[in-house]
Amino acid sequence: MSRDILRQFFTIVAFVATLVFNGLASSGQLNGIVTAAVSDRLPILFVPAGYVFGIWGLIYTLLLGFVIFQALPRQRENPLLRSIGYWFIISCVFNAIWLVFFHYFQFAWSMVAMVGVLVSLIMVYVNVKGHARTRAESIWVVGAFSVYLGWITVATVANASYVLYDMGWDGFGLSEANWASIMLVVAALVAGFIAYTRRDWAYSAVLVWALVGIIVKQAPVSQQVGITAGLMIPVILGALALGWWMARGNHGSGGRLQAA
């Protein structure tokens, strides 16, 4: 059996296992509590409104498309899929581990697992973004991982907030609202950098979606957090627009476009 066939097979197995673990989590089979209830256990100001988490439906639909696409016989030796290697499989393993730790309130260990998911997806992203040759690759590979990485970027910052709150960290004397605002700025700067350099509208849209959800949920609790989240939206969209404008300017002047 070739290495490509093994990669295709284990990708399917890893994705199915991830769906199973998420099904257990959503049905309360992990520690007798659903994920949303764990999320609401601590009053974290970085957490968006509940409806925002519906994006998981889109993420798993896109990932299902990716899994099916990569499993096709004619895609077996696809260099774009080969460039992903086993990083997606590793992200699935960390995803399942994160669910277990999170549901058992082991927030510090869940942070380790979340970083594992984040790093794995970054490795996928840097290998595929800008290298799609067909529309199918643009949607089911690049698009899928742009959306997924966008959401995990938000989730990583939120997870860090859980860890710090659970540890009873005093924030060096700063209020929770101030720290939430700082985290919002950091997340927006990271997103803005990716939006500008990669001109990735899908990634940017996910961050804006999360920020709107934070405004909806947290503005009634903390006006400062709501305002900060609102201000970060034009930062991301402005960086995205500037990136596209600069790219068009380089193209028009005969310069070579950087691969997006």
C-alpha atoms as a PDB file:
ATOM      1  CA  MET A   1       0.000   0.000   0.000  1.00  0.00           C
ATOM      2  CA  SER A   2       1.441   3.384  -1.016  1.00  0.00           C
ATOM      3  CA  ARG A   3       2.086   6.257   1.361  1.00  0.00           C
ATOM      4  CA  ASP A   4      -0.534   8.314  -0.446  1.00  0.00           C
ATOM      5  CA  ILE A   5      -3.222   5.687   0.114  1.00  0.00           C
ATOM      6  CA  LEU A   6      -2.288   5.454   3.782  1.00  0.00           C
ATOM      7  CA  ARG A   7      -2.525   9.234   4.115  1.00  0.00           C
ATOM      8  CA  GLN A   8      -5.952   9.229   2.483  1.00  0.00           C
ATOM      9  CA  PHE A   9      -7.144   6.397   4.735  1.00  0.00           C
ATOM     10  CA  PHE A  10      -5.905   7.898   7.994  1.00  0.00           C
ATOM     11  CA  THR A  11      -7.357  11.275   7.033  1.00  0.00           C
ATOM     12  CA  ILE A  12     -10.789   9.669   6.768  1.00  0.00           C
ATOM     13  CA  VAL A  13     -10.351   7.785  10.053  1.00  0.00           C
ATOM     14  CA  ALA A  14      -9.162  10.907  11.885  1.00  0.00           C
ATOM     15  CA  PHE A  15     -12.081  12.999  10.626  1.00  0.00           C
ATOM     16  CA  VAL A  16     -14.661  10.358  11.552  1.00  0.00           C
ATOM     17  CA  ALA A  17     -13.114  10.021  15.014  1.00  0.00           C
ATOM     18  CA  THR A  18     -13.310  13.800  15.439  1.00  0.00           C
ATOM     19  CA  LEU A  19     -16.998  13.753  14.512  1.00  0.00           C
ATOM     20  CA  VAL A  20     -17.599  10.985  17.044  1.00  0.00           C
ATOM     21  CA  PHE A  21     -15.899  12.913  19.843  1.00  0.00           C
ATOM     22  CA  ASN A  22     -17.803  16.070  18.953  1.00  0.00           C
ATOM     23  CA  GLY A  23     -21.042  14.084  18.922  1.00  0.00           C
ATOM     24  CA  LEU A  24     -20.270  12.781  22.409  1.00  0.00           C
ATOM     25  CA  ALA A  25     -19.477  16.307  23.577  1.00  0.00           C
ATOM     26  CA  SER A  26     -22.630  17.823  22.071  1.00  0.00           C
ATOM     27  CA  SER A  27     -24.845  15.120  23.574  1.00  0.00           C
ATOM     28  CA  GLY A  28     -23.389  15.459  27.059  1.00  0.00           C
ATOM     29  CA  GLN A  29     -21.633  12.103  27.040  1.00  0.00           C
ATOM     30  CA  LEU A  30     -18.327  13.630  28.132  1.00  0.00           C
ATOM     31  CA  ASN A  31     -18.514  14.207  31.891  1.00  0.00           C
ATOM     32  CA  GLY A  32     -22.289  14.603  31.634  1.00  0.00           C
ATOM     33  CA  ILE A  33     -22.142  18.159  30.281  1.00  0.00           C
ATOM     34  CA  VAL A  34     -22.416  19.768  26.860  1.00  0.00           C
ATOM     35  CA  THR A  35     -19.683  22.016  25.489  1.00  0.00           C
ATOM     36  CA  ALA A  36     -21.818  25.170  25.645  1.00  0.00           C
ATOM     37  CA  ALA A  37     -22.454  24.621  29.355  1.00  0.00           C
ATOM     38  CA  VAL A  38     -18.732  24.332  30.016  1.00  0.00           C
ATOM     39  CA  SER A  39     -18.171  27.506  28.004  1.00  0.00           C
ATOM     40  CA  ASP A  40     -20.720  29.377  30.124  1.00  0.00           C
ATOM     41  CA  ARG A  41     -19.260  28.076  33.386  1.00  0.00           C
ATOM     42  CA  LEU A  42     -16.892  31.018  33.732  1.00  0.00           C
ATOM     43  CA  PRO A  43     -17.828  34.672  33.056  1.00  0.00           C
ATOM     44  CA  ILE A  44     -15.271  35.274  30.316  1.00  0.00           C
ATOM     45  CA  LEU A  45     -15.697  38.531  28.401  1.00  0.00           C
ATOM     46  CA  PHE A  46     -14.023  37.207  25.249  1.00  0.00           C
ATOM     47  CA  VAL A  47     -16.691  34.576  24.573  1.00  0.00           C
ATOM     48  CA  PRO A  48     -19.155  35.415  21.747  1.00  0.00           C
ATOM     49  CA  ALA A  49     -22.916  34.827  21.721  1.00  0.00           C
ATOM     50  CA  GLY A  50     -24.106  31.242  21.459  1.00  0.00           C
ATOM     51  CA  TYR A  51     -25.325  31.506  17.868  1.00  0.00           C
ATOM     52  CA  VAL A  52     -21.771  32.240  16.715  1.00  0.00           C
ATOM     53  CA  PHE A  53     -20.752  28.665  17.519  1.00  0.00           C
ATOM     54  CA  GLY A  54     -23.046  27.560  14.705  1.00  0.00           C
ATOM     55  CA  ILE A  55     -20.032  28.157  12.491  1.00  0.00           C
ATOM     56  CA  TRP A  56     -18.947  24.635  13.415  1.00  0.00           C
ATOM     57  CA  GLY A  57     -21.626  23.411  11.010  1.00  0.00           C
ATOM     58  CA  LEU A  58     -19.913  25.279   8.172  1.00  0.00           C
ATOM     59  CA  ILE A  59     -16.465  24.149   9.296  1.00  0.00           C
ATOM     60  CA  TYR A  60     -17.378  20.479   9.380  1.00  0.00           C
ATOM     61  CA  THR A  61     -19.204  20.734   6.063  1.00  0.00           C
ATOM     62  CA  LEU A  62     -16.074  22.186   4.467  1.00  0.00           C
ATOM     63  CA  LEU A  63     -13.858  19.599   6.158  1.00  0.00           C
ATOM     64  CA  LEU A  64     -16.156  16.817   4.961  1.00  0.00           C
ATOM     65  CA  GLY A  65     -15.737  18.175   1.457  1.00  0.00           C
ATOM     66  CA  PHE A  66     -11.963  18.197   1.966  1.00  0.00           C
ATOM     67  CA  VAL A  67     -11.922  14.614   3.230  1.00  0.00           C
ATOM     68  CA  ILE A  68     -14.006  13.394   0.296  1.00  0.00           C
ATOM     69  CA  PHE A  69     -11.931  15.388  -2.190  1.00  0.00           C
ATOM     70  CA  GLN A  70      -8.595  14.107  -0.885  1.00  0.00           C
ATOM     71  CA  ALA A  71      -9.909  10.534  -0.898  1.00  0.00           C
ATOM     72  CA  LEU A  72     -10.656  10.516  -4.626  1.00  0.00           C
ATOM     73  CA  PRO A  73      -8.328   8.157  -6.545  1.00  0.00           C
ATOM     74  CA  ARG A  74      -7.329  10.887  -9.000  1.00  0.00           C
ATOM     75  CA  GLN A  75      -6.210  13.099  -6.100  1.00  0.00           C
ATOM     76  CA  ARG A  76      -3.924  10.449  -4.644  1.00  0.00           C
ATOM     77  CA  GLU A  77      -0.743  12.065  -5.938  1.00  0.00           C
ATOM     78  CA  ASN A  78      -1.971  15.656  -5.784  1.00  0.00           C
ATOM     79  CA  PRO A  79       1.051  17.746  -4.688  1.00  0.00           C
ATOM     80  CA  LEU A  80      -1.166  20.196  -2.784  1.00  0.00           C
ATOM     81  CA  LEU A  81      -2.611  17.380  -0.686  1.00  0.00           C
ATOM     82  CA  ARG A  82       0.806  15.821  -0.263  1.00  0.00           C
ATOM     83  CA  SER A  83       2.047  19.144   1.130  1.00  0.00           C
ATOM     84  CA  ILE A  84      -0.457  18.828   3.981  1.00  0.00           C
ATOM     85  CA  GLY A  85       1.039  15.518   4.989  1.00  0.00           C
ATOM     86  CA  TYR A  86      -0.298  14.332   8.334  1.00  0.00           C
ATOM     87  CA  TRP A  87      -0.849  17.778   9.823  1.00  0.00           C
ATOM     88  CA  PHE A  88      -4.628  17.596   9.431  1.00  0.00           C
ATOM     89  CA  ILE A  89      -4.647  14.193  11.120  1.00  0.00           C
ATOM     90  CA  ILE A  90      -2.596  15.613  13.985  1.00  0.00           C
ATOM     91  CA  SER A  91      -5.079  18.498  14.317  1.00  0.00           C
ATOM     92  CA  CYS A  92      -7.912  15.968  14.617  1.00  0.00           C
ATOM     93  CA  VAL A  93      -6.090  14.140  17.409  1.00  0.00           C
ATOM     94  CA  PHE A  94      -5.566  17.371  19.331  1.00  0.00           C
ATOM     95  CA  ASN A  95      -9.203  18.346  18.693  1.00  0.00           C
ATOM     96  CA  ALA A  96     -10.425  15.175  20.399  1.00  0.00           C
ATOM     97  CA  ILE A  97      -7.956  15.581  23.268  1.00  0.00           C
ATOM     98  CA  TRP A  98      -9.074  19.189  23.734  1.00  0.00           C
ATOM     99  CA  LEU A  99     -12.707  18.122  24.079  1.00  0.00           C
ATOM    100  CA  VAL A 100     -11.844  15.657  26.823  1.00  0.00           C
ATOM    101  CA  PHE A 101      -9.767  18.139  28.812  1.00  0.00           C
ATOM    102  CA  PHE A 102     -12.268  20.964  28.340  1.00  0.00           C
ATOM    103  CA  HIS A 103     -15.253  18.872  29.423  1.00  0.00           C
ATOM    104  CA  TYR A 104     -13.426  17.750  32.540  1.00  0.00           C
ATOM    105  CA  PHE A 105     -12.508  21.372  33.366  1.00  0.00           C
ATOM    106  CA  GLN A 106      -8.800  20.812  32.861  1.00  0.00           C
ATOM    107  CA  PHE A 107      -8.393  24.202  31.243  1.00  0.00           C
ATOM    108  CA  ALA A 108      -4.604  24.370  31.452  1.00  0.00           C
ATOM    109  CA  TRP A 109      -4.249  21.024  29.650  1.00  0.00           C
ATOM    110  CA  SER A 110      -6.965  22.028  27.209  1.00  0.00           C
ATOM    111  CA  MET A 111      -4.804  25.036  26.320  1.00  0.00           C
ATOM    112  CA  VAL A 112      -1.939  22.704  25.419  1.00  0.00           C
ATOM    113  CA  ALA A 113      -4.263  20.723  23.166  1.00  0.00           C
ATOM    114  CA  MET A 114      -5.678  23.899  21.618  1.00  0.00           C
ATOM    115  CA  VAL A 115      -2.183  25.114  20.758  1.00  0.00           C
ATOM    116  CA  GLY A 116      -1.632  21.718  19.155  1.00  0.00           C
ATOM    117  CA  VAL A 117      -4.679  22.251  16.953  1.00  0.00           C
ATOM    118  CA  LEU A 118      -3.581  25.794  16.122  1.00  0.00           C
ATOM    119  CA  VAL A 119      -0.014  24.850  15.169  1.00  0.00           C
ATOM    120  CA  SER A 120      -1.204  21.914  13.066  1.00  0.00           C
ATOM    121  CA  LEU A 121      -3.620  24.118  11.142  1.00  0.00           C
ATOM    122  CA  ILE A 122      -0.996  26.811  10.638  1.00  0.00           C
ATOM    123  CA  MET A 123       1.258  24.169   9.087  1.00  0.00           C
ATOM    124  CA  VAL A 124      -1.547  23.154   6.737  1.00  0.00           C
ATOM    125  CA  TYR A 125      -2.396  26.767   5.928  1.00  0.00           C
ATOM    126  CA  VAL A 126       1.109  27.910   5.033  1.00  0.00           C
ATOM    127  CA  ASN A 127       1.523  24.900   2.740  1.00  0.00           C
ATOM    128  CA  VAL A 128      -1.726  25.325   0.803  1.00  0.00           C
ATOM    129  CA  LYS A 129      -2.611  29.034   0.804  1.00  0.00           C
ATOM    130  CA  GLY A 130      -1.775  30.492  -2.573  1.00  0.00           C
ATOM    131  CA  HIS A 131      -1.061  27.133  -4.195  1.00  0.00           C
ATOM    132  CA  ALA A 132      -4.509  26.023  -5.344  1.00  0.00           C
ATOM    133  CA  ARG A 133      -4.617  25.252  -9.054  1.00  0.00           C
ATOM    134  CA  THR A 134      -8.319  24.463  -9.455  1.00  0.00           C
ATOM    135  CA  ARG A 135     -11.615  25.801  -8.125  1.00  0.00           C
ATOM    136  CA  ALA A 136     -12.128  22.564  -6.191  1.00  0.00           C
ATOM    137  CA  GLU A 137      -8.796  23.012  -4.427  1.00  0.00           C
ATOM    138  CA  SER A 138      -9.628  26.654  -3.682  1.00  0.00           C
ATOM    139  CA  ILE A 139     -12.894  25.679  -1.996  1.00  0.00           C
ATOM    140  CA  TRP A 140     -12.305  22.298  -0.376  1.00  0.00           C
ATOM    141  CA  VAL A 141      -8.674  22.719   0.632  1.00  0.00           C
ATOM    142  CA  VAL A 142      -7.677  26.380   0.899  1.00  0.00           C
ATOM    143  CA  GLY A 143     -11.157  27.669   1.747  1.00  0.00           C
ATOM    144  CA  ALA A 144     -11.845  24.934   4.284  1.00  0.00           C
ATOM    145  CA  PHE A 145      -8.640  25.543   6.210  1.00  0.00           C
ATOM    146  CA  SER A 146      -8.941  29.331   6.011  1.00  0.00           C
ATOM    147  CA  VAL A 147     -12.298  29.151   7.796  1.00  0.00           C
ATOM    148  CA  TYR A 148     -11.105  26.519  10.252  1.00  0.00           C
ATOM    149  CA  LEU A 149      -7.922  28.411  11.144  1.00  0.00           C
ATOM    150  CA  GLY A 150      -9.901  31.629  11.535  1.00  0.00           C
ATOM    151  CA  TRP A 151     -12.149  30.054  14.124  1.00  0.00           C
ATOM    152  CA  ILE A 152      -9.314  28.309  15.959  1.00  0.00           C
ATOM    153  CA  THR A 153      -7.528  31.668  16.195  1.00  0.00           C
ATOM    154  CA  VAL A 154     -10.518  32.994  18.129  1.00  0.00           C
ATOM    155  CA  ALA A 155     -10.870  29.792  20.154  1.00  0.00           C
ATOM    156  CA  THR A 156      -7.218  29.883  21.204  1.00  0.00           C
ATOM    157  CA  VAL A 157      -7.541  33.380  22.656  1.00  0.00           C
ATOM    158  CA  ALA A 158     -10.790  32.416  24.388  1.00  0.00           C
ATOM    159  CA  ASN A 159      -9.154  29.279  25.800  1.00  0.00           C
ATOM    160  CA  ALA A 160      -6.312  31.368  27.194  1.00  0.00           C
ATOM    161  CA  SER A 161      -8.909  33.529  28.933  1.00  0.00           C
ATOM    162  CA  TYR A 162     -10.422  30.433  30.561  1.00  0.00           C
ATOM    163  CA  VAL A 163      -7.030  29.283  31.788  1.00  0.00           C
ATOM    164  CA  LEU A 164      -6.138  32.631  33.336  1.00  0.00           C
ATOM    165  CA  TYR A 165      -9.544  33.065  34.987  1.00  0.00           C
ATOM    166  CA  ASP A 166      -9.550  29.503  36.328  1.00  0.00           C
ATOM    167  CA  MET A 167      -6.082  30.059  37.804  1.00  0.00           C
ATOM    168  CA  GLY A 168      -7.320  33.148  39.617  1.00  0.00           C
ATOM    169  CA  TRP A 169      -4.792  35.365  37.859  1.00  0.00           C
ATOM    170  CA  ASP A 170      -5.133  38.978  39.005  1.00  0.00           C
ATOM    171  CA  GLY A 171      -4.124  40.426  35.619  1.00  0.00           C
ATOM    172  CA  PHE A 172      -1.314  42.518  37.132  1.00  0.00           C
ATOM    173  CA  GLY A 173      -4.006  44.705  38.646  1.00  0.00           C
ATOM    174  CA  LEU A 174      -5.827  45.336  35.376  1.00  0.00           C
ATOM    175  CA  SER A 175      -9.552  44.711  35.218  1.00  0.00           C
ATOM    176  CA  GLU A 176     -11.059  41.802  33.312  1.00  0.00           C
ATOM    177  CA  ALA A 177     -12.527  44.274  30.813  1.00  0.00           C
ATOM    178  CA  ASN A 178      -9.093  45.748  30.176  1.00  0.00           C
ATOM    179  CA  TRP A 179      -7.568  42.333  29.576  1.00  0.00           C
ATOM    180  CA  ALA A 180     -10.444  41.323  27.312  1.00  0.00           C
ATOM    181  CA  SER A 181      -9.864  44.507  25.327  1.00  0.00           C
ATOM    182  CA  ILE A 182      -6.136  43.764  25.075  1.00  0.00           C
ATOM    183  CA  MET A 183      -6.858  40.255  23.817  1.00  0.00           C
ATOM    184  CA  LEU A 184      -9.302  41.639  21.272  1.00  0.00           C
ATOM    185  CA  VAL A 185      -6.647  44.013  19.966  1.00  0.00           C
ATOM    186  CA  VAL A 186      -4.053  41.233  19.775  1.00  0.00           C
ATOM    187  CA  ALA A 187      -6.459  38.910  17.954  1.00  0.00           C
ATOM    188  CA  ALA A 188      -7.391  41.695  15.525  1.00  0.00           C
ATOM    189  CA  LEU A 189      -3.747  42.539  14.834  1.00  0.00           C
ATOM    190  CA  VAL A 190      -2.976  38.894  14.072  1.00  0.00           C
ATOM    191  CA  ALA A 191      -6.040  38.661  11.858  1.00  0.00           C
ATOM    192  CA  GLY A 192      -5.168  41.960  10.203  1.00  0.00           C
ATOM    193  CA  PHE A 193      -1.652  40.755   9.448  1.00  0.00           C
ATOM    194  CA  ILE A 194      -2.981  37.595   7.793  1.00  0.00           C
ATOM    195  CA  ALA A 195      -5.673  39.584   5.980  1.00  0.00           C
ATOM    196  CA  TYR A 196      -3.064  41.984   4.608  1.00  0.00           C
ATOM    197  CA  THR A 197      -0.314  39.529   3.711  1.00  0.00           C
ATOM    198  CA  ARG A 198      -2.506  36.655   2.520  1.00  0.00           C
ATOM    199  CA  ARG A 199      -5.510  38.640   1.304  1.00  0.00           C
ATOM    200  CA  ASP A 200      -7.694  35.942   2.823  1.00  0.00           C
ATOM    201  CA  TRP A 201     -11.305  37.093   2.930  1.00  0.00           C
ATOM    202  CA  ALA A 202     -12.563  33.769   4.354  1.00  0.00           C
ATOM    203  CA  TYR A 203     -10.240  33.939   7.360  1.00  0.00           C
ATOM    204  CA  SER A 204     -11.125  37.603   7.883  1.00  0.00           C
ATOM    205  CA  ALA A 205     -14.869  36.926   7.668  1.00  0.00           C
ATOM    206  CA  VAL A 206     -14.633  34.369  10.478  1.00  0.00           C
ATOM    207  CA  LEU A 207     -12.893  36.866  12.756  1.00  0.00           C
ATOM    208  CA  VAL A 208     -15.504  39.532  11.980  1.00  0.00           C
ATOM    209  CA  TRP A 209     -18.262  36.966  12.658  1.00  0.00           C
ATOM    210  CA  ALA A 210     -16.742  36.254  16.077  1.00  0.00           C
ATOM    211  CA  LEU A 211     -16.287  39.947  16.902  1.00  0.00           C
ATOM    212  CA  VAL A 212     -19.926  40.696  16.115  1.00  0.00           C
ATOM    213  CA  GLY A 213     -20.892  37.825  18.417  1.00  0.00           C
ATOM    214  CA  ILE A 214     -18.725  39.254  21.180  1.00  0.00           C
ATOM    215  CA  ILE A 215     -20.443  42.621  20.770  1.00  0.00           C
ATOM    216  CA  VAL A 216     -23.869  40.986  20.990  1.00  0.00           C
ATOM    217  CA  LYS A 217     -23.053  39.036  24.155  1.00  0.00           C
ATOM    218  CA  GLN A 218     -20.612  41.262  26.005  1.00  0.00           C
ATOM    219  CA  ALA A 219     -21.697  44.837  25.223  1.00  0.00           C
ATOM    220  CA  PRO A 220     -24.556  44.692  27.779  1.00  0.00           C
ATOM    221  CA  VAL A 221     -22.014  43.427  30.356  1.00  0.00           C
ATOM    222  CA  SER A 222     -19.060  45.647  29.473  1.00  0.00           C
ATOM    223  CA  GLN A 223     -19.457  48.644  27.195  1.00  0.00           C
ATOM    224  CA  GLN A 224     -15.667  48.841  26.921  1.00  0.00           C
ATOM    225  CA  VAL A 225     -15.394  45.314  25.516  1.00  0.00           C
ATOM    226  CA  GLY A 226     -18.257  45.928  23.118  1.00  0.00           C
ATOM    227  CA  ILE A 227     -16.714  49.148  21.796  1.00  0.00           C
ATOM    228  CA  THR A 228     -13.262  47.569  21.470  1.00  0.00           C
ATOM    229  CA  ALA A 229     -14.672  44.618  19.534  1.00  0.00           C
ATOM    230  CA  GLY A 230     -16.533  47.019  17.269  1.00  0.00           C
ATOM    231  CA  LEU A 231     -13.401  49.040  16.576  1.00  0.00           C
ATOM    232  CA  MET A 232     -11.442  45.924  15.651  1.00  0.00           C
ATOM    233  CA  ILE A 233     -13.810  45.051  12.797  1.00  0.00           C
ATOM    234  CA  PRO A 234     -12.724  47.943  10.532  1.00  0.00           C
ATOM    235  CA  VAL A 235      -9.096  47.185  11.447  1.00  0.00           C
ATOM    236  CA  ILE A 236      -9.407  43.682   9.954  1.00  0.00           C
ATOM    237  CA  LEU A 237     -11.486  44.762   6.971  1.00  0.00           C
ATOM    238  CA  GLY A 238      -9.174  47.717   6.337  1.00  0.00           C
ATOM    239  CA  ALA A 239      -6.116  45.447   6.366  1.00  0.00           C
ATOM    240  CA  LEU A 240      -7.835  43.093   3.945  1.00  0.00           C
ATOM    241  CA  ALA A 241      -8.794  45.933   1.593  1.00  0.00           C
ATOM    242  CA  LEU A 242      -5.296  47.412   1.778  1.00  0.00           C
ATOM    243  CA  GLY A 243      -3.759  44.055   0.963  1.00  0.00           C
ATOM    244  CA  TRP A 244      -5.915  43.653  -2.125  1.00  0.00           C
ATOM    245  CA  TRP A 245      -5.295  47.279  -3.177  1.00  0.00           C
ATOM    246  CA  MET A 246      -1.522  46.886  -2.823  1.00  0.00           C
ATOM    247  CA  ALA A 247      -1.635  43.631  -4.783  1.00  0.00           C
ATOM    248  CA  ARG A 248      -3.581  45.258  -7.617  1.00  0.00           C
ATOM    249  CA  GLY A 249      -1.180  48.179  -7.599  1.00  0.00           C
ATOM    250  CA  ASN A 250       1.800  45.856  -7.935  1.00  0.00           C
ATOM    251  CA  HIS A 251       0.046  43.996 -10.719  1.00  0.00           C
ATOM    252  CA  GLY A 252      -0.759  47.179 -12.552  1.00  0.00           C
ATOM    253  CA  SER A 253       2.813  48.422 -12.326  1.00  0.00           C
ATOM    254  CA  GLY A 254       4.167  45.159 -13.678  1.00  0.00           C
ATOM    255  CA  GLY A 255       5.401  43.923 -10.315  1.00  0.00           C
ATOM    256  CA  ARG A 256       5.172  40.307  -9.362  1.00  0.00           C
ATOM    257  CA  LEU A 257       2.244  39.424  -7.131  1.00  0.00           C
ATOM    258  CA  GLN A 258       3.013  37.600  -3.943  1.00  0.00           C
ATOM    259  CA  ALA A 259       1.248  34.239  -3.801  1.00  0.00           C
ATOM    260  CA  ALA A 260      -1.860  34.502  -1.691  1.00  0.00           C
END
